Amino acid sequence: MAVHIKGSAITARVRYVRELYGEPGVRRVKEALCADSRRRLEEKVMPHDWVPLGMFVELCTEIDRLYGRGDLALCRELGRYASKVNLPTLYRIFYALGSPRFILSRAIRVWDVHYDSGRIDASFVETPPLEKAILSVREFAEPHPVHCLSVLGWVERSVELSGGEVKEALETKCRTKGADACRFEVTYRV
């Protein structure tokens, strides 16, 4: 069974390209996509739509190839950008009142709103003056480096949006490399 994600992941990435490269940049990305993905984008993906993960991976890969270095590193920035444009609008009150721990602990509650596969859990370690969030994505049916880098960027930017200063953000385990879960560790100062 194919994994699906919410269209907001797609619309955020198209918005990123549009802001930096204008409509010609968006057109260039669309032209690089397979016929099915291109058609779907031209039919207008809405934030609440369910979209195949494969389309998300293809879109991010092509954006990275066209506007990054072709090494998928831009996918992390795309995740950061998506956090910036999607989360404060959807969860503005949480960001206004919450701490990084509060925001990230809510990630486990909203996973099913954004994905139809897997789950995420979070734990926290305090070593004053720093805190560390450890998030693990488990049982995700189609792990892919593009998704992992996007999640890492999302977590990193979410900490910043909720008042934390990120000191380090890493993916320490990955299912694409044989681990049982994709594990993200973000060390930050509040």
N, C-alpha and C. Protein backbone atom coordinates (compact mmCIF):
# COMPACT_ATOMS: atom_id res chain seq x y z
N MET A 1 0.84 -1.18 0.00
CA MET A 1 0.00 0.00 0.00
C MET A 1 0.88 1.25 0.00
N ALA A 2 0.60 2.18 -0.88
CA ALA A 2 1.39 3.41 -0.99
C ALA A 2 1.10 4.34 0.19
N VAL A 3 2.13 5.02 0.62
CA VAL A 3 2.01 6.00 1.71
C VAL A 3 1.55 7.33 1.13
N HIS A 4 0.72 8.02 1.89
CA HIS A 4 0.23 9.35 1.48
C HIS A 4 0.56 10.36 2.56
N ILE A 5 0.77 11.60 2.12
CA ILE A 5 1.00 12.72 3.03
C ILE A 5 0.04 13.84 2.66
N LYS A 6 -0.09 14.80 3.54
CA LYS A 6 -0.97 15.92 3.26
C LYS A 6 -0.37 16.84 2.20
N GLY A 7 -1.24 17.42 1.42
CA GLY A 7 -0.84 18.31 0.35
C GLY A 7 -0.09 19.54 0.83
N SER A 8 -0.22 19.88 2.10
CA SER A 8 0.50 21.05 2.63
C SER A 8 2.01 20.88 2.47
N ALA A 9 2.49 19.63 2.47
CA ALA A 9 3.92 19.38 2.25
C ALA A 9 4.31 19.76 0.82
N ILE A 10 3.41 19.51 -0.11
CA ILE A 10 3.65 19.85 -1.52
C ILE A 10 3.54 21.36 -1.72
N THR A 11 2.46 21.95 -1.20
CA THR A 11 2.23 23.38 -1.43
C THR A 11 3.33 24.22 -0.81
N ALA A 12 3.89 23.79 0.32
CA ALA A 12 5.00 24.54 0.94
C ALA A 12 6.23 24.53 0.05
N ARG A 13 6.51 23.41 -0.58
CA ARG A 13 7.69 23.33 -1.44
C ARG A 13 7.51 24.14 -2.73
N VAL A 14 6.32 24.11 -3.28
CA VAL A 14 6.06 24.94 -4.46
C VAL A 14 6.15 26.42 -4.08
N ARG A 15 5.65 26.77 -2.93
CA ARG A 15 5.75 28.16 -2.45
C ARG A 15 7.20 28.58 -2.28
N TYR A 16 8.03 27.69 -1.75
CA TYR A 16 9.46 27.96 -1.60
C TYR A 16 10.09 28.33 -2.95
N VAL A 17 9.82 27.50 -3.95
CA VAL A 17 10.38 27.75 -5.29
C VAL A 17 9.83 29.06 -5.84
N ARG A 18 8.54 29.29 -5.69
CA ARG A 18 7.91 30.51 -6.22
C ARG A 18 8.54 31.75 -5.57
N GLU A 19 8.73 31.73 -4.26
CA GLU A 19 9.31 32.89 -3.57
C GLU A 19 10.73 33.18 -4.03
N LEU A 20 11.52 32.14 -4.27
CA LEU A 20 12.91 32.35 -4.65
C LEU A 20 13.15 32.49 -6.15
N TYR A 21 12.34 31.80 -6.97
CA TYR A 21 12.62 31.72 -8.40
C TYR A 21 11.44 32.14 -9.29
N GLY A 22 10.34 32.54 -8.67
CA GLY A 22 9.20 33.02 -9.43
C GLY A 22 8.50 31.92 -10.21
N GLU A 23 7.54 32.33 -11.02
CA GLU A 23 6.78 31.37 -11.83
C GLU A 23 7.67 30.61 -12.81
N PRO A 24 8.70 31.24 -13.39
CA PRO A 24 9.59 30.44 -14.26
C PRO A 24 10.26 29.29 -13.50
N GLY A 25 10.60 29.52 -12.24
CA GLY A 25 11.20 28.46 -11.43
C GLY A 25 10.23 27.33 -11.17
N VAL A 26 8.98 27.67 -10.88
CA VAL A 26 7.95 26.65 -10.66
C VAL A 26 7.73 25.87 -11.94
N ARG A 27 7.66 26.57 -13.06
CA ARG A 27 7.47 25.90 -14.35
C ARG A 27 8.62 24.93 -14.63
N ARG A 28 9.83 25.35 -14.31
CA ARG A 28 11.01 24.50 -14.51
C ARG A 28 10.91 23.21 -13.68
N VAL A 29 10.46 23.35 -12.44
CA VAL A 29 10.29 22.16 -11.58
C VAL A 29 9.22 21.26 -12.16
N LYS A 30 8.09 21.82 -12.53
CA LYS A 30 7.00 21.01 -13.10
C LYS A 30 7.47 20.24 -14.33
N GLU A 31 8.25 20.90 -15.18
CA GLU A 31 8.73 20.25 -16.39
C GLU A 31 9.67 19.09 -16.09
N ALA A 32 10.32 19.10 -14.92
CA ALA A 32 11.25 18.04 -14.54
C ALA A 32 10.53 16.82 -13.96
N LEU A 33 9.27 16.97 -13.59
CA LEU A 33 8.52 15.89 -12.95
C LEU A 33 7.98 14.90 -13.97
N CYS A 34 7.68 13.70 -13.50
CA CYS A 34 7.01 12.72 -14.36
C CYS A 34 5.62 13.25 -14.72
N ALA A 35 5.03 12.68 -15.74
CA ALA A 35 3.74 13.16 -16.25
C ALA A 35 2.66 13.16 -15.17
N ASP A 36 2.58 12.10 -14.35
CA ASP A 36 1.53 12.02 -13.32
C ASP A 36 1.70 13.12 -12.27
N SER A 37 2.91 13.32 -11.80
CA SER A 37 3.15 14.36 -10.78
C SER A 37 2.89 15.75 -11.36
N ARG A 38 3.33 15.98 -12.58
CA ARG A 38 3.12 17.27 -13.23
C ARG A 38 1.62 17.55 -13.38
N ARG A 39 0.88 16.55 -13.84
CA ARG A 39 -0.57 16.70 -13.99
C ARG A 39 -1.23 17.02 -12.66
N ARG A 40 -0.82 16.30 -11.62
CA ARG A 40 -1.41 16.52 -10.29
C ARG A 40 -1.14 17.93 -9.79
N LEU A 41 0.09 18.42 -9.99
CA LEU A 41 0.41 19.79 -9.58
C LEU A 41 -0.39 20.81 -10.37
N GLU A 42 -0.55 20.57 -11.64
CA GLU A 42 -1.30 21.51 -12.48
C GLU A 42 -2.79 21.49 -12.16
N GLU A 43 -3.28 20.39 -11.59
CA GLU A 43 -4.69 20.31 -11.16
C GLU A 43 -4.90 21.02 -9.83
N LYS A 44 -3.86 21.51 -9.24
CA LYS A 44 -3.89 22.29 -8.00
C LYS A 44 -4.03 21.39 -6.77
N VAL A 45 -2.93 21.08 -6.16
CA VAL A 45 -2.91 20.34 -4.90
C VAL A 45 -3.32 21.30 -3.79
N MET A 46 -4.26 20.89 -2.98
CA MET A 46 -4.73 21.69 -1.84
C MET A 46 -4.06 21.17 -0.57
N PRO A 47 -3.84 22.04 0.43
CA PRO A 47 -3.16 21.61 1.66
C PRO A 47 -3.81 20.41 2.36
N HIS A 48 -5.11 20.26 2.26
CA HIS A 48 -5.80 19.16 2.96
C HIS A 48 -5.88 17.87 2.13
N ASP A 49 -5.46 17.91 0.85
CA ASP A 49 -5.49 16.72 0.00
C ASP A 49 -4.48 15.68 0.49
N TRP A 50 -4.78 14.42 0.21
CA TRP A 50 -3.81 13.35 0.41
C TRP A 50 -3.04 13.16 -0.89
N VAL A 51 -1.72 13.13 -0.81
CA VAL A 51 -0.85 13.05 -1.97
C VAL A 51 0.11 11.87 -1.77
N PRO A 52 0.41 11.10 -2.82
CA PRO A 52 1.36 9.99 -2.66
C PRO A 52 2.74 10.48 -2.21
N LEU A 53 3.33 9.76 -1.28
CA LEU A 53 4.68 10.11 -0.82
C LEU A 53 5.65 10.14 -1.99
N GLY A 54 5.46 9.27 -2.97
CA GLY A 54 6.34 9.25 -4.13
C GLY A 54 6.37 10.59 -4.86
N MET A 55 5.25 11.27 -4.93
CA MET A 55 5.21 12.59 -5.56
C MET A 55 6.01 13.59 -4.74
N PHE A 56 5.86 13.52 -3.43
CA PHE A 56 6.62 14.39 -2.52
C PHE A 56 8.12 14.17 -2.70
N VAL A 57 8.54 12.91 -2.72
CA VAL A 57 9.96 12.58 -2.88
C VAL A 57 10.47 13.09 -4.22
N GLU A 58 9.69 12.86 -5.27
CA GLU A 58 10.10 13.32 -6.60
C GLU A 58 10.21 14.85 -6.64
N LEU A 59 9.22 15.55 -6.09
CA LEU A 59 9.24 17.00 -6.09
C LEU A 59 10.46 17.54 -5.35
N CYS A 60 10.71 17.03 -4.15
CA CYS A 60 11.86 17.49 -3.37
C CYS A 60 13.18 17.18 -4.07
N THR A 61 13.26 16.01 -4.66
CA THR A 61 14.49 15.61 -5.36
C THR A 61 14.75 16.53 -6.54
N GLU A 62 13.71 16.86 -7.29
CA GLU A 62 13.89 17.75 -8.46
C GLU A 62 14.21 19.18 -8.02
N ILE A 63 13.59 19.66 -6.96
CA ILE A 63 13.94 21.00 -6.45
C ILE A 63 15.41 21.02 -6.04
N ASP A 64 15.86 19.97 -5.36
CA ASP A 64 17.26 19.89 -4.93
C ASP A 64 18.19 19.81 -6.15
N ARG A 65 17.81 19.05 -7.14
CA ARG A 65 18.64 18.92 -8.34
C ARG A 65 18.74 20.24 -9.10
N LEU A 66 17.61 20.94 -9.20
CA LEU A 66 17.58 22.18 -9.98
C LEU A 66 18.14 23.39 -9.22
N TYR A 67 17.90 23.44 -7.90
CA TYR A 67 18.24 24.64 -7.14
C TYR A 67 19.19 24.40 -5.97
N GLY A 68 19.54 23.16 -5.76
CA GLY A 68 20.51 22.82 -4.72
C GLY A 68 21.77 22.28 -5.37
N ARG A 69 22.39 21.33 -4.68
CA ARG A 69 23.63 20.73 -5.19
C ARG A 69 23.41 19.31 -5.74
N GLY A 70 22.17 18.86 -5.68
CA GLY A 70 21.88 17.51 -6.16
C GLY A 70 22.24 16.43 -5.16
N ASP A 71 22.50 16.81 -3.91
CA ASP A 71 22.88 15.85 -2.87
C ASP A 71 21.79 15.67 -1.82
N LEU A 72 20.62 16.21 -2.06
CA LEU A 72 19.45 16.18 -1.19
C LEU A 72 19.56 17.10 0.03
N ALA A 73 20.66 17.81 0.20
CA ALA A 73 20.81 18.70 1.37
C ALA A 73 19.74 19.78 1.40
N LEU A 74 19.27 20.21 0.25
CA LEU A 74 18.23 21.24 0.22
C LEU A 74 16.92 20.73 0.82
N CYS A 75 16.74 19.42 0.88
CA CYS A 75 15.52 18.85 1.45
C CYS A 75 15.35 19.23 2.92
N ARG A 76 16.45 19.37 3.62
CA ARG A 76 16.39 19.82 5.02
C ARG A 76 15.88 21.25 5.09
N GLU A 77 16.38 22.10 4.22
CA GLU A 77 15.90 23.49 4.16
C GLU A 77 14.43 23.55 3.77
N LEU A 78 14.01 22.67 2.87
CA LEU A 78 12.60 22.61 2.49
C LEU A 78 11.72 22.23 3.68
N GLY A 79 12.21 21.32 4.53
CA GLY A 79 11.49 20.96 5.75
C GLY A 79 11.40 22.13 6.72
N ARG A 80 12.51 22.87 6.84
CA ARG A 80 12.52 24.07 7.70
C ARG A 80 11.50 25.08 7.18
N TYR A 81 11.49 25.27 5.89
CA TYR A 81 10.58 26.24 5.28
C TYR A 81 9.12 25.81 5.51
N ALA A 82 8.84 24.54 5.31
CA ALA A 82 7.48 24.03 5.52
C ALA A 82 7.02 24.26 6.95
N SER A 83 7.91 24.05 7.90
CA SER A 83 7.58 24.30 9.30
C SER A 83 7.22 25.77 9.49
N LYS A 84 8.02 26.64 8.90
CA LYS A 84 7.81 28.08 9.03
C LYS A 84 6.47 28.53 8.44
N VAL A 85 6.11 28.01 7.26
CA VAL A 85 4.90 28.51 6.60
C VAL A 85 3.64 27.75 6.99
N ASN A 86 3.75 26.49 7.34
CA ASN A 86 2.55 25.71 7.65
C ASN A 86 2.17 25.73 9.13
N LEU A 87 3.12 25.53 9.99
CA LEU A 87 2.77 25.33 11.39
C LEU A 87 2.26 26.58 12.11
N PRO A 88 2.91 27.71 11.98
CA PRO A 88 2.38 28.88 12.70
C PRO A 88 0.97 29.25 12.27
N THR A 89 0.61 29.00 11.03
CA THR A 89 -0.75 29.33 10.61
C THR A 89 -1.75 28.33 11.17
N LEU A 90 -1.36 27.06 11.20
CA LEU A 90 -2.27 26.03 11.70
C LEU A 90 -2.31 25.96 13.22
N TYR A 91 -1.17 26.19 13.85
CA TYR A 91 -1.06 25.99 15.29
C TYR A 91 -0.51 27.23 15.99
N ARG A 92 -0.91 28.40 15.51
CA ARG A 92 -0.39 29.67 16.01
C ARG A 92 -0.45 29.78 17.53
N ILE A 93 -1.54 29.40 18.12
CA ILE A 93 -1.70 29.53 19.58
C ILE A 93 -0.68 28.66 20.32
N PHE A 94 -0.39 27.47 19.79
CA PHE A 94 0.59 26.60 20.43
C PHE A 94 1.99 27.23 20.41
N TYR A 95 2.34 27.83 19.28
CA TYR A 95 3.66 28.47 19.18
C TYR A 95 3.75 29.69 20.08
N ALA A 96 2.65 30.41 20.21
CA ALA A 96 2.66 31.61 21.05
C ALA A 96 2.82 31.26 22.52
N LEU A 97 2.25 30.15 22.93
CA LEU A 97 2.24 29.79 24.35
C LEU A 97 3.21 28.68 24.73
N GLY A 98 3.67 27.92 23.74
CA GLY A 98 4.43 26.72 24.05
C GLY A 98 5.93 26.87 23.99
N SER A 99 6.58 25.91 24.59
CA SER A 99 8.04 25.78 24.56
C SER A 99 8.40 24.75 23.48
N PRO A 100 9.69 24.62 23.16
CA PRO A 100 10.06 23.57 22.20
C PRO A 100 9.57 22.19 22.66
N ARG A 101 9.69 21.90 23.94
CA ARG A 101 9.23 20.59 24.43
C ARG A 101 7.74 20.43 24.20
N PHE A 102 6.99 21.45 24.49
CA PHE A 102 5.54 21.41 24.30
C PHE A 102 5.20 21.18 22.83
N ILE A 103 5.84 21.94 21.93
CA ILE A 103 5.55 21.84 20.50
C ILE A 103 5.92 20.45 19.97
N LEU A 104 7.12 19.99 20.29
CA LEU A 104 7.56 18.70 19.77
C LEU A 104 6.77 17.54 20.35
N SER A 105 6.35 17.66 21.60
CA SER A 105 5.54 16.58 22.18
C SER A 105 4.18 16.50 21.49
N ARG A 106 3.72 17.61 20.92
CA ARG A 106 2.46 17.60 20.18
C ARG A 106 2.62 16.94 18.81
N ALA A 107 3.85 16.86 18.32
CA ALA A 107 4.09 16.22 17.02
C ALA A 107 3.54 14.81 17.00
N ILE A 108 3.65 14.11 18.11
CA ILE A 108 3.15 12.74 18.15
C ILE A 108 1.63 12.69 18.04
N ARG A 109 0.99 13.76 18.44
CA ARG A 109 -0.47 13.80 18.38
C ARG A 109 -1.00 14.16 17.00
N VAL A 110 -0.20 14.84 16.20
CA VAL A 110 -0.69 15.28 14.89
C VAL A 110 -0.10 14.47 13.73
N TRP A 111 0.73 13.48 14.01
CA TRP A 111 1.33 12.68 12.94
C TRP A 111 0.26 12.14 12.01
N ASP A 112 -0.79 11.54 12.55
CA ASP A 112 -1.85 10.92 11.75
C ASP A 112 -2.62 11.92 10.90
N VAL A 113 -2.56 13.20 11.26
CA VAL A 113 -3.21 14.22 10.46
C VAL A 113 -2.43 14.46 9.16
N HIS A 114 -1.11 14.20 9.19
CA HIS A 114 -0.24 14.49 8.07
C HIS A 114 0.24 13.27 7.29
N TYR A 115 0.15 12.10 7.90
CA TYR A 115 0.64 10.86 7.26
C TYR A 115 -0.36 9.74 7.48
N ASP A 116 -0.43 8.82 6.52
CA ASP A 116 -1.30 7.66 6.70
C ASP A 116 -0.48 6.39 6.98
N SER A 117 0.75 6.59 7.45
CA SER A 117 1.63 5.48 7.78
C SER A 117 2.54 5.88 8.92
N GLY A 118 2.90 4.90 9.72
CA GLY A 118 3.89 5.12 10.77
C GLY A 118 3.36 5.88 11.96
N ARG A 119 4.29 6.14 12.86
CA ARG A 119 4.00 6.91 14.07
C ARG A 119 5.29 7.56 14.52
N ILE A 120 5.17 8.54 15.39
CA ILE A 120 6.35 9.22 15.92
C ILE A 120 6.23 9.28 17.43
N ASP A 121 7.35 9.09 18.10
CA ASP A 121 7.35 9.28 19.55
C ASP A 121 8.46 10.25 19.90
N ALA A 122 8.31 10.86 21.05
CA ALA A 122 9.27 11.88 21.47
C ALA A 122 9.65 11.66 22.93
N SER A 123 10.92 11.90 23.22
CA SER A 123 11.38 11.91 24.61
C SER A 123 12.33 13.10 24.75
N PHE A 124 12.58 13.48 25.98
CA PHE A 124 13.37 14.67 26.23
C PHE A 124 14.37 14.41 27.34
N VAL A 125 15.54 15.01 27.19
CA VAL A 125 16.61 14.89 28.18
C VAL A 125 17.04 16.30 28.54
N GLU A 126 17.08 16.59 29.82
CA GLU A 126 17.53 17.90 30.27
C GLU A 126 18.94 17.80 30.81
N THR A 127 19.82 18.61 30.27
CA THR A 127 21.18 18.77 30.78
C THR A 127 21.46 20.27 30.80
N PRO A 128 20.89 20.95 31.82
CA PRO A 128 20.94 22.42 31.84
C PRO A 128 22.33 22.95 31.54
N PRO A 129 22.39 23.98 30.75
CA PRO A 129 21.30 24.83 30.25
C PRO A 129 20.68 24.33 28.96
N LEU A 130 21.03 23.13 28.51
CA LEU A 130 20.51 22.60 27.25
C LEU A 130 19.44 21.53 27.49
N GLU A 131 18.64 21.34 26.48
CA GLU A 131 17.68 20.24 26.45
C GLU A 131 17.88 19.50 25.14
N LYS A 132 17.51 18.24 25.14
CA LYS A 132 17.60 17.44 23.91
C LYS A 132 16.25 16.78 23.68
N ALA A 133 15.76 16.92 22.46
CA ALA A 133 14.56 16.22 22.03
C ALA A 133 14.99 15.06 21.16
N ILE A 134 14.41 13.90 21.42
CA ILE A 134 14.69 12.70 20.63
C ILE A 134 13.36 12.24 20.05
N LEU A 135 13.25 12.31 18.74
CA LEU A 135 12.03 11.89 18.05
C LEU A 135 12.35 10.69 17.18
N SER A 136 11.50 9.69 17.24
CA SER A 136 11.70 8.48 16.44
C SER A 136 10.47 8.21 15.59
N VAL A 137 10.70 8.07 14.30
CA VAL A 137 9.63 7.70 13.37
C VAL A 137 9.71 6.19 13.21
N ARG A 138 8.61 5.52 13.52
CA ARG A 138 8.56 4.07 13.49
C ARG A 138 7.47 3.59 12.53
N GLU A 139 7.73 2.44 11.94
CA GLU A 139 6.73 1.74 11.11
C GLU A 139 6.26 2.56 9.91
N PHE A 140 7.08 3.48 9.45
CA PHE A 140 6.76 4.26 8.26
C PHE A 140 7.02 3.36 7.06
N ALA A 141 6.00 3.11 6.26
CA ALA A 141 6.07 2.07 5.23
C ALA A 141 7.05 2.35 4.09
N GLU A 142 7.37 3.61 3.83
CA GLU A 142 8.26 3.93 2.71
C GLU A 142 9.36 4.90 3.15
N PRO A 143 10.28 4.47 4.00
CA PRO A 143 11.33 5.40 4.42
C PRO A 143 12.16 5.85 3.22
N HIS A 144 12.57 7.10 3.26
CA HIS A 144 13.36 7.66 2.16
C HIS A 144 14.20 8.81 2.72
N PRO A 145 15.43 8.97 2.27
CA PRO A 145 16.27 10.08 2.76
C PRO A 145 15.64 11.45 2.59
N VAL A 146 14.89 11.66 1.51
CA VAL A 146 14.21 12.95 1.30
C VAL A 146 13.27 13.23 2.46
N HIS A 147 12.51 12.23 2.86
CA HIS A 147 11.56 12.41 3.96
C HIS A 147 12.31 12.65 5.27
N CYS A 148 13.36 11.88 5.50
CA CYS A 148 14.12 12.03 6.74
C CYS A 148 14.71 13.44 6.87
N LEU A 149 15.32 13.92 5.79
CA LEU A 149 15.90 15.26 5.82
C LEU A 149 14.82 16.33 6.02
N SER A 150 13.66 16.11 5.43
CA SER A 150 12.55 17.05 5.60
C SER A 150 12.07 17.07 7.04
N VAL A 151 11.95 15.89 7.65
CA VAL A 151 11.53 15.81 9.05
C VAL A 151 12.57 16.49 9.94
N LEU A 152 13.84 16.25 9.68
CA LEU A 152 14.90 16.88 10.48
C LEU A 152 14.81 18.40 10.39
N GLY A 153 14.63 18.93 9.19
CA GLY A 153 14.49 20.37 9.03
C GLY A 153 13.25 20.91 9.73
N TRP A 154 12.15 20.15 9.65
CA TRP A 154 10.91 20.54 10.31
C TRP A 154 11.10 20.63 11.82
N VAL A 155 11.74 19.61 12.39
CA VAL A 155 11.97 19.58 13.85
C VAL A 155 12.86 20.76 14.25
N GLU A 156 13.93 20.95 13.53
CA GLU A 156 14.88 22.02 13.82
C GLU A 156 14.18 23.39 13.81
N ARG A 157 13.42 23.66 12.78
CA ARG A 157 12.75 24.96 12.67
C ARG A 157 11.63 25.10 13.70
N SER A 158 10.95 24.01 14.02
CA SER A 158 9.90 24.06 15.04
C SER A 158 10.46 24.47 16.39
N VAL A 159 11.66 23.98 16.72
CA VAL A 159 12.32 24.38 17.96
C VAL A 159 12.57 25.89 17.94
N GLU A 160 13.08 26.38 16.82
CA GLU A 160 13.37 27.81 16.71
C GLU A 160 12.10 28.65 16.79
N LEU A 161 11.04 28.22 16.13
CA LEU A 161 9.79 28.97 16.14
C LEU A 161 9.16 29.04 17.53
N SER A 162 9.47 28.06 18.36
CA SER A 162 8.90 28.03 19.70
C SER A 162 9.87 28.58 20.75
N GLY A 163 10.89 29.31 20.30
CA GLY A 163 11.75 30.03 21.25
C GLY A 163 13.06 29.36 21.58
N GLY A 164 13.37 28.23 21.00
CA GLY A 164 14.63 27.55 21.29
C GLY A 164 15.74 27.97 20.34
N GLU A 165 16.96 27.86 20.81
CA GLU A 165 18.14 28.11 20.00
C GLU A 165 18.81 26.77 19.74
N VAL A 166 18.74 26.30 18.51
CA VAL A 166 19.27 24.98 18.15
C VAL A 166 20.79 25.00 18.20
N LYS A 167 21.34 24.04 18.94
CA LYS A 167 22.79 23.87 19.01
C LYS A 167 23.26 22.76 18.08
N GLU A 168 22.43 21.73 17.93
CA GLU A 168 22.77 20.61 17.06
C GLU A 168 21.48 19.89 16.67
N ALA A 169 21.40 19.46 15.42
CA ALA A 169 20.25 18.70 14.94
C ALA A 169 20.77 17.62 14.00
N LEU A 170 20.51 16.37 14.35
CA LEU A 170 21.05 15.25 13.59
C LEU A 170 20.02 14.14 13.44
N GLU A 171 20.15 13.39 12.36
CA GLU A 171 19.47 12.10 12.27
C GLU A 171 20.51 11.08 12.69
N THR A 172 20.27 10.40 13.81
CA THR A 172 21.28 9.49 14.36
C THR A 172 21.06 8.04 13.96
N LYS A 173 19.86 7.70 13.49
CA LYS A 173 19.56 6.37 12.98
C LYS A 173 18.58 6.54 11.82
N CYS A 174 18.65 5.60 10.87
CA CYS A 174 17.75 5.69 9.73
C CYS A 174 17.37 4.29 9.25
N ARG A 175 16.10 4.12 8.95
CA ARG A 175 15.64 2.83 8.43
C ARG A 175 16.23 2.54 7.07
N THR A 176 16.59 3.59 6.30
CA THR A 176 17.18 3.34 4.99
C THR A 176 18.59 2.78 5.12
N LYS A 177 19.12 2.81 6.36
CA LYS A 177 20.46 2.25 6.62
C LYS A 177 20.37 1.05 7.57
N GLY A 178 19.18 0.45 7.66
CA GLY A 178 19.01 -0.77 8.43
C GLY A 178 18.54 -0.62 9.86
N ALA A 179 18.35 0.59 10.35
CA ALA A 179 17.88 0.78 11.72
C ALA A 179 16.39 0.42 11.82
N ASP A 180 15.92 0.21 13.04
CA ASP A 180 14.51 -0.12 13.24
C ASP A 180 13.60 1.11 13.22
N ALA A 181 14.19 2.31 13.29
CA ALA A 181 13.44 3.56 13.27
C ALA A 181 14.35 4.66 12.75
N CYS A 182 13.75 5.76 12.32
CA CYS A 182 14.51 6.95 11.98
C CYS A 182 14.50 7.84 13.23
N ARG A 183 15.68 8.14 13.73
CA ARG A 183 15.79 8.85 15.01
C ARG A 183 16.44 10.21 14.79
N PHE A 184 15.77 11.24 15.30
CA PHE A 184 16.23 12.61 15.17
C PHE A 184 16.52 13.17 16.56
N GLU A 185 17.69 13.76 16.72
CA GLU A 185 18.08 14.35 18.00
C GLU A 185 18.39 15.82 17.79
N VAL A 186 17.71 16.66 18.56
CA VAL A 186 17.92 18.10 18.47
C VAL A 186 18.26 18.62 19.86
N THR A 187 19.44 19.18 19.98
CA THR A 187 19.89 19.79 21.22
C THR A 187 19.69 21.30 21.10
N TYR A 188 19.08 21.89 22.12
CA TYR A 188 18.74 23.30 22.03
C TYR A 188 18.80 23.96 23.42
N ARG A 189 18.86 25.28 23.39
CA ARG A 189 18.81 26.10 24.60
C ARG A 189 17.48 26.86 24.56
N VAL A 190 16.82 26.91 25.71
CA VAL A 190 15.54 27.64 25.79
C VAL A 190 15.81 29.05 26.26
